Each structure stands twice: as C-alpha cells, then as structure tokens.
Amino acid sequence: MRACAAWFGVILVLGPTAYDLTKEILGHKERLIVWHLGLYAATAVGLLIGFWLGRRRTRNQTDRADASP
C-alpha cells in the first residue's frame, strides 16, 4: 500500500511538471527548462535512494527473522 501511495505522489508531482516542461521547451525558456530537468533529476535520485533503503530494510528484517530461534 505504501508503494502505491508513493507512486501516486510521484505521478502527482511529475505529471504537471512534465506539462510545464513541454510548454517551456516549446517556448524556448532555457532557465526554466534547466530548473525542471533538475527537478526530474532530484526526483529520480530520491526514488533510487528510497528504493535502496526499502530493499535494505526488507533484507535486514528477513535476516533477523531467519536468525531467531
């Protein structure tokens, strides 16, 4: 359920951002294009870090369950 909520949040943020980015590319506003590309990069990094932390947490919980008597 948390993963579904996280993806919904990502789509909620990136949908309008993609629309704005497309408008700015067509309008040739370089500064805003760089801003939106930076936002996409930051979102991608955040998703990768979240994915990595989630896998690490899940793996640690599995290891603890296996180690218990």
PDB file of N, CA and C in Angstrom:
ATOM      1  N   MET A   1       0.822  -1.191   0.000  1.00  0.00           N
ATOM      2  CA  MET A   1       0.000   0.000   0.000  1.00  0.00           C
ATOM      3  C   MET A   1       0.870   1.261   0.000  1.00  0.00           C
ATOM      4  N   ARG A   2       1.981   1.209   0.759  1.00  0.00           N
ATOM      5  CA  ARG A   2       2.865   2.377   0.792  1.00  0.00           C
ATOM      6  C   ARG A   2       3.485   2.628  -0.568  1.00  0.00           C
ATOM      7  N   ALA A   3       3.818   1.557  -1.276  1.00  0.00           N
ATOM      8  CA  ALA A   3       4.406   1.718  -2.605  1.00  0.00           C
ATOM      9  C   ALA A   3       3.406   2.369  -3.558  1.00  0.00           C
ATOM     10  N   CYS A   4       2.154   1.982  -3.452  1.00  0.00           N
ATOM     11  CA  CYS A   4       1.110   2.572  -4.293  1.00  0.00           C
ATOM     12  C   CYS A   4       0.975   4.065  -3.994  1.00  0.00           C
ATOM     13  N   ALA A   5       0.987   4.415  -2.728  1.00  0.00           N
ATOM     14  CA  ALA A   5       0.892   5.827  -2.343  1.00  0.00           C
ATOM     15  C   ALA A   5       2.110   6.609  -2.822  1.00  0.00           C
ATOM     16  N   ALA A   6       3.277   5.998  -2.749  1.00  0.00           N
ATOM     17  CA  ALA A   6       4.492   6.671  -3.206  1.00  0.00           C
ATOM     18  C   ALA A   6       4.443   6.922  -4.711  1.00  0.00           C
ATOM     19  N   TRP A   7       4.025   5.929  -5.480  1.00  0.00           N
ATOM     20  CA  TRP A   7       3.938   6.115  -6.930  1.00  0.00           C
ATOM     21  C   TRP A   7       2.865   7.132  -7.288  1.00  0.00           C
ATOM     22  N   PHE A   8       1.768   7.152  -6.551  1.00  0.00           N
ATOM     23  CA  PHE A   8       0.730   8.153  -6.791  1.00  0.00           C
ATOM     24  C   PHE A   8       1.287   9.553  -6.560  1.00  0.00           C
ATOM     25  N   GLY A   9       2.077   9.714  -5.497  1.00  0.00           N
ATOM     26  CA  GLY A   9       2.707  11.005  -5.222  1.00  0.00           C
ATOM     27  C   GLY A   9       3.666  11.411  -6.318  1.00  0.00           C
ATOM     28  N   VAL A  10       4.435  10.461  -6.814  1.00  0.00           N
ATOM     29  CA  VAL A  10       5.380  10.754  -7.902  1.00  0.00           C
ATOM     30  C   VAL A  10       4.624  11.206  -9.147  1.00  0.00           C
ATOM     31  N   ILE A  11       3.567  10.497  -9.489  1.00  0.00           N
ATOM     32  CA  ILE A  11       2.781  10.863 -10.672  1.00  0.00           C
ATOM     33  C   ILE A  11       2.115  12.219 -10.470  1.00  0.00           C
ATOM     34  N   LEU A  12       1.645  12.469  -9.257  1.00  0.00           N
ATOM     35  CA  LEU A  12       1.011  13.747  -8.944  1.00  0.00           C
ATOM     36  C   LEU A  12       1.980  14.906  -9.124  1.00  0.00           C
ATOM     37  N   VAL A  13       3.244  14.699  -8.778  1.00  0.00           N
ATOM     38  CA  VAL A  13       4.250  15.755  -8.926  1.00  0.00           C
ATOM     39  C   VAL A  13       4.754  15.842 -10.362  1.00  0.00           C
ATOM     40  N   LEU A  14       5.063  14.709 -10.973  1.00  0.00           N
ATOM     41  CA  LEU A  14       5.709  14.722 -12.284  1.00  0.00           C
ATOM     42  C   LEU A  14       4.755  15.008 -13.439  1.00  0.00           C
ATOM     43  N   GLY A  15       3.478  14.713 -13.275  1.00  0.00           N
ATOM     44  CA  GLY A  15       2.514  14.986 -14.350  1.00  0.00           C
ATOM     45  C   GLY A  15       2.470  16.462 -14.720  1.00  0.00           C
ATOM     46  N   PRO A  16       2.116  17.329 -13.776  1.00  0.00           N
ATOM     47  CA  PRO A  16       2.105  18.764 -14.097  1.00  0.00           C
ATOM     48  C   PRO A  16       3.490  19.297 -14.463  1.00  0.00           C
ATOM     49  N   THR A  17       4.526  18.739 -13.860  1.00  0.00           N
ATOM     50  CA  THR A  17       5.880  19.189 -14.174  1.00  0.00           C
ATOM     51  C   THR A  17       6.221  18.870 -15.624  1.00  0.00           C
ATOM     52  N   ALA A  18       5.844  17.694 -16.089  1.00  0.00           N
ATOM     53  CA  ALA A  18       6.095  17.331 -17.491  1.00  0.00           C
ATOM     54  C   ALA A  18       5.333  18.263 -18.428  1.00  0.00           C
ATOM     55  N   TYR A  19       4.125  18.622 -18.056  1.00  0.00           N
ATOM     56  CA  TYR A  19       3.334  19.547 -18.867  1.00  0.00           C
ATOM     57  C   TYR A  19       4.026  20.909 -18.945  1.00  0.00           C
ATOM     58  N   ASP A  20       4.465  21.430 -17.793  1.00  0.00           N
ATOM     59  CA  ASP A  20       5.165  22.720 -17.765  1.00  0.00           C
ATOM     60  C   ASP A  20       6.464  22.656 -18.559  1.00  0.00           C
ATOM     61  N   LEU A  21       7.200  21.559 -18.410  1.00  0.00           N
ATOM     62  CA  LEU A  21       8.465  21.408 -19.129  1.00  0.00           C
ATOM     63  C   LEU A  21       8.233  21.425 -20.642  1.00  0.00           C
ATOM     64  N   THR A  22       7.198  20.745 -21.089  1.00  0.00           N
ATOM     65  CA  THR A  22       6.881  20.728 -22.517  1.00  0.00           C
ATOM     66  C   THR A  22       6.537  22.130 -23.010  1.00  0.00           C
ATOM     67  N   LYS A  23       5.740  22.862 -22.230  1.00  0.00           N
ATOM     68  CA  LYS A  23       5.404  24.238 -22.610  1.00  0.00           C
ATOM     69  C   LYS A  23       6.656  25.099 -22.712  1.00  0.00           C
ATOM     70  N   GLU A  24       7.580  24.923 -21.771  1.00  0.00           N
ATOM     71  CA  GLU A  24       8.781  25.750 -21.757  1.00  0.00           C
ATOM     72  C   GLU A  24       9.743  25.374 -22.878  1.00  0.00           C
ATOM     73  N   ILE A  25       9.802  24.090 -23.223  1.00  0.00           N
ATOM     74  CA  ILE A  25      10.644  23.687 -24.351  1.00  0.00           C
ATOM     75  C   ILE A  25      10.106  24.327 -25.632  1.00  0.00           C
ATOM     76  N   LEU A  26       8.790  24.317 -25.779  1.00  0.00           N
ATOM     77  CA  LEU A  26       8.195  24.928 -26.968  1.00  0.00           C
ATOM     78  C   LEU A  26       8.366  26.443 -26.960  1.00  0.00           C
ATOM     79  N   GLY A  27       8.447  27.044 -25.755  1.00  0.00           N
ATOM     80  CA  GLY A  27       8.625  28.487 -25.642  1.00  0.00           C
ATOM     81  C   GLY A  27      10.083  28.901 -25.558  1.00  0.00           C
ATOM     82  N   HIS A  28      10.995  27.956 -25.536  1.00  0.00           N
ATOM     83  CA  HIS A  28      12.445  28.205 -25.502  1.00  0.00           C
ATOM     84  C   HIS A  28      12.870  29.025 -24.282  1.00  0.00           C
ATOM     85  N   LYS A  29      12.376  28.657 -23.105  1.00  0.00           N
ATOM     86  CA  LYS A  29      12.777  29.336 -21.873  1.00  0.00           C
ATOM     87  C   LYS A  29      13.836  28.471 -21.188  1.00  0.00           C
ATOM     88  N   GLU A  30      15.100  28.758 -21.484  1.00  0.00           N
ATOM     89  CA  GLU A  30      16.203  27.887 -21.066  1.00  0.00           C
ATOM     90  C   GLU A  30      16.314  27.753 -19.548  1.00  0.00           C
ATOM     91  N   ARG A  31      16.159  28.856 -18.829  1.00  0.00           N
ATOM     92  CA  ARG A  31      16.337  28.804 -17.380  1.00  0.00           C
ATOM     93  C   ARG A  31      15.308  27.875 -16.731  1.00  0.00           C
ATOM     94  N   LEU A  32      14.079  27.956 -17.183  1.00  0.00           N
ATOM     95  CA  LEU A  32      13.039  27.105 -16.616  1.00  0.00           C
ATOM     96  C   LEU A  32      13.205  25.651 -17.041  1.00  0.00           C
ATOM     97  N   ILE A  33      13.729  25.437 -18.243  1.00  0.00           N
ATOM     98  CA  ILE A  33      13.993  24.064 -18.691  1.00  0.00           C
ATOM     99  C   ILE A  33      15.029  23.418 -17.777  1.00  0.00           C
ATOM    100  N   VAL A  34      16.085  24.154 -17.477  1.00  0.00           N
ATOM    101  CA  VAL A  34      17.125  23.632 -16.586  1.00  0.00           C
ATOM    102  C   VAL A  34      16.537  23.356 -15.206  1.00  0.00           C
ATOM    103  N   TRP A  35      15.668  24.243 -14.726  1.00  0.00           N
ATOM    104  CA  TRP A  35      15.023  24.055 -13.419  1.00  0.00           C
ATOM    105  C   TRP A  35      14.228  22.747 -13.396  1.00  0.00           C
ATOM    106  N   HIS A  36      13.417  22.510 -14.434  1.00  0.00           N
ATOM    107  CA  HIS A  36      12.595  21.307 -14.451  1.00  0.00           C
ATOM    108  C   HIS A  36      13.434  20.045 -14.638  1.00  0.00           C
ATOM    109  N   LEU A  37      14.470  20.119 -15.445  1.00  0.00           N
ATOM    110  CA  LEU A  37      15.343  18.951 -15.584  1.00  0.00           C
ATOM    111  C   LEU A  37      16.035  18.641 -14.261  1.00  0.00           C
ATOM    112  N   GLY A  38      16.403  19.678 -13.517  1.00  0.00           N
ATOM    113  CA  GLY A  38      16.972  19.482 -12.179  1.00  0.00           C
ATOM    114  C   GLY A  38      15.967  18.846 -11.237  1.00  0.00           C
ATOM    115  N   LEU A  39      14.705  19.266 -11.347  1.00  0.00           N
ATOM    116  CA  LEU A  39      13.650  18.679 -10.518  1.00  0.00           C
ATOM    117  C   LEU A  39      13.465  17.200 -10.840  1.00  0.00           C
ATOM    118  N   TYR A  40      13.488  16.864 -12.135  1.00  0.00           N
ATOM    119  CA  TYR A  40      13.390  15.457 -12.522  1.00  0.00           C
ATOM    120  C   TYR A  40      14.577  14.652 -11.991  1.00  0.00           C
ATOM    121  N   ALA A  41      15.761  15.215 -12.091  1.00  0.00           N
ATOM    122  CA  ALA A  41      16.953  14.513 -11.601  1.00  0.00           C
ATOM    123  C   ALA A  41      16.868  14.298 -10.093  1.00  0.00           C
ATOM    124  N   ALA A  42      16.434  15.320  -9.357  1.00  0.00           N
ATOM    125  CA  ALA A  42      16.305  15.189  -7.902  1.00  0.00           C
ATOM    126  C   ALA A  42      15.252  14.143  -7.544  1.00  0.00           C
ATOM    127  N   THR A  43      14.160  14.103  -8.297  1.00  0.00           N
ATOM    128  CA  THR A  43      13.121  13.103  -8.047  1.00  0.00           C
ATOM    129  C   THR A  43      13.654  11.700  -8.315  1.00  0.00           C
ATOM    130  N   ALA A  44      14.396  11.538  -9.396  1.00  0.00           N
ATOM    131  CA  ALA A  44      14.966  10.224  -9.720  1.00  0.00           C
ATOM    132  C   ALA A  44      15.939   9.771  -8.638  1.00  0.00           C
ATOM    133  N   VAL A  45      16.773  10.688  -8.166  1.00  0.00           N
ATOM    134  CA  VAL A  45      17.720  10.345  -7.096  1.00  0.00           C
ATOM    135  C   VAL A  45      16.955   9.968  -5.833  1.00  0.00           C
ATOM    136  N   GLY A  46      15.915  10.724  -5.505  1.00  0.00           N
ATOM    137  CA  GLY A  46      15.106  10.405  -4.325  1.00  0.00           C
ATOM    138  C   GLY A  46      14.447   9.041  -4.424  1.00  0.00           C
ATOM    139  N   LEU A  47      13.932   8.716  -5.613  1.00  0.00           N
ATOM    140  CA  LEU A  47      13.319   7.400  -5.810  1.00  0.00           C
ATOM    141  C   LEU A  47      14.337   6.281  -5.665  1.00  0.00           C
ATOM    142  N   LEU A  48      15.519   6.476  -6.236  1.00  0.00           N
ATOM    143  CA  LEU A  48      16.553   5.446  -6.130  1.00  0.00           C
ATOM    144  C   LEU A  48      17.002   5.254  -4.687  1.00  0.00           C
ATOM    145  N   ILE A  49      17.169   6.348  -3.958  1.00  0.00           N
ATOM    146  CA  ILE A  49      17.562   6.241  -2.548  1.00  0.00           C
ATOM    147  C   ILE A  49      16.465   5.551  -1.754  1.00  0.00           C
ATOM    148  N   GLY A  50      15.208   5.926  -1.998  1.00  0.00           N
ATOM    149  CA  GLY A  50      14.093   5.277  -1.305  1.00  0.00           C
ATOM    150  C   GLY A  50      14.012   3.797  -1.619  1.00  0.00           C
ATOM    151  N   PHE A  51      14.208   3.442  -2.879  1.00  0.00           N
ATOM    152  CA  PHE A  51      14.196   2.039  -3.280  1.00  0.00           C
ATOM    153  C   PHE A  51      15.323   1.280  -2.587  1.00  0.00           C
ATOM    154  N   TRP A  52      16.517   1.884  -2.572  1.00  0.00           N
ATOM    155  CA  TRP A  52      17.671   1.239  -1.944  1.00  0.00           C
ATOM    156  C   TRP A  52      17.439   1.062  -0.443  1.00  0.00           C
ATOM    157  N   LEU A  53      16.937   2.100   0.224  1.00  0.00           N
ATOM    158  CA  LEU A  53      16.684   1.994   1.664  1.00  0.00           C
ATOM    159  C   LEU A  53      15.588   0.974   1.957  1.00  0.00           C
ATOM    160  N   GLY A  54      14.567   0.928   1.111  1.00  0.00           N
ATOM    161  CA  GLY A  54      13.494  -0.047   1.297  1.00  0.00           C
ATOM    162  C   GLY A  54      13.984  -1.471   1.141  1.00  0.00           C
ATOM    163  N   ARG A  55      14.816  -1.714   0.145  1.00  0.00           N
ATOM    164  CA  ARG A  55      15.375  -3.069  -0.040  1.00  0.00           C
ATOM    165  C   ARG A  55      16.264  -3.447   1.128  1.00  0.00           C
ATOM    166  N   ARG A  56      17.068  -2.489   1.587  1.00  0.00           N
ATOM    167  CA  ARG A  56      17.979  -2.766   2.694  1.00  0.00           C
ATOM    168  C   ARG A  56      17.194  -3.084   3.963  1.00  0.00           C
ATOM    169  N   ARG A  57      16.135  -2.319   4.196  1.00  0.00           N
ATOM    170  CA  ARG A  57      15.315  -2.538   5.386  1.00  0.00           C
ATOM    171  C   ARG A  57      14.618  -3.893   5.319  1.00  0.00           C
ATOM    172  N   THR A  58      14.074  -4.225   4.164  1.00  0.00           N
ATOM    173  CA  THR A  58      13.396  -5.509   3.993  1.00  0.00           C
ATOM    174  C   THR A  58      14.376  -6.660   4.172  1.00  0.00           C
ATOM    175  N   ARG A  59      15.563  -6.526   3.603  1.00  0.00           N
ATOM    176  CA  ARG A  59      16.567  -7.577   3.718  1.00  0.00           C
ATOM    177  C   ARG A  59      16.985  -7.757   5.176  1.00  0.00           C
ATOM    178  N   ASN A  60      17.168  -6.655   5.918  1.00  0.00           N
ATOM    179  CA  ASN A  60      17.559  -6.752   7.322  1.00  0.00           C
ATOM    180  C   ASN A  60      16.469  -7.418   8.151  1.00  0.00           C
ATOM    181  N   GLN A  61      15.212  -7.114   7.878  1.00  0.00           N
ATOM    182  CA  GLN A  61      14.120  -7.741   8.619  1.00  0.00           C
ATOM    183  C   GLN A  61      14.052  -9.230   8.310  1.00  0.00           C
ATOM    184  N   THR A  62      14.298  -9.612   7.075  1.00  0.00           N
ATOM    185  CA  THR A  62      14.297 -11.026   6.698  1.00  0.00           C
ATOM    186  C   THR A  62      15.439 -11.756   7.386  1.00  0.00           C
ATOM    187  N   ASP A  63      16.609 -11.133   7.434  1.00  0.00           N
ATOM    188  CA  ASP A  63      17.758 -11.749   8.099  1.00  0.00           C
ATOM    189  C   ASP A  63      17.480 -11.950   9.582  1.00  0.00           C
ATOM    190  N   ARG A  64      16.848 -10.985  10.216  1.00  0.00           N
ATOM    191  CA  ARG A  64      16.529 -11.112  11.643  1.00  0.00           C
ATOM    192  C   ARG A  64      15.519 -12.230  11.880  1.00  0.00           C
ATOM    193  N   ALA A  65      14.541 -12.361  10.992  1.00  0.00           N
ATOM    194  CA  ALA A  65      13.540 -13.416  11.148  1.00  0.00           C
ATOM    195  C   ALA A  65      14.178 -14.791  10.984  1.00  0.00           C
ATOM    196  N   ASP A  66      15.143 -14.900  10.093  1.00  0.00           N
ATOM    197  CA  ASP A  66      15.829 -16.177   9.887  1.00  0.00           C
ATOM    198  C   ASP A  66      16.721 -16.526  11.072  1.00  0.00           C
ATOM    199  N   ALA A  67      17.264 -15.527  11.741  1.00  0.00           N
ATOM    200  CA  ALA A  67      18.201 -15.766  12.837  1.00  0.00           C
ATOM    201  C   ALA A  67      17.492 -16.110  14.147  1.00  0.00           C
ATOM    202  N   SER A  68      16.199 -15.782  14.254  1.00  0.00           N
ATOM    203  CA  SER A  68      15.516 -16.048  15.526  1.00  0.00           C
ATOM    204  C   SER A  68      15.253 -17.543  15.688  1.00  0.00           C
ATOM    205  N   PRO A  69      15.314 -18.021  16.938  1.00  0.00           N
ATOM    206  CA  PRO A  69      15.151 -19.471  17.176  1.00  0.00           C
ATOM    207  C   PRO A  69      13.738 -19.951  17.004  1.00  0.00           C
TER     208      PRO A  69
END
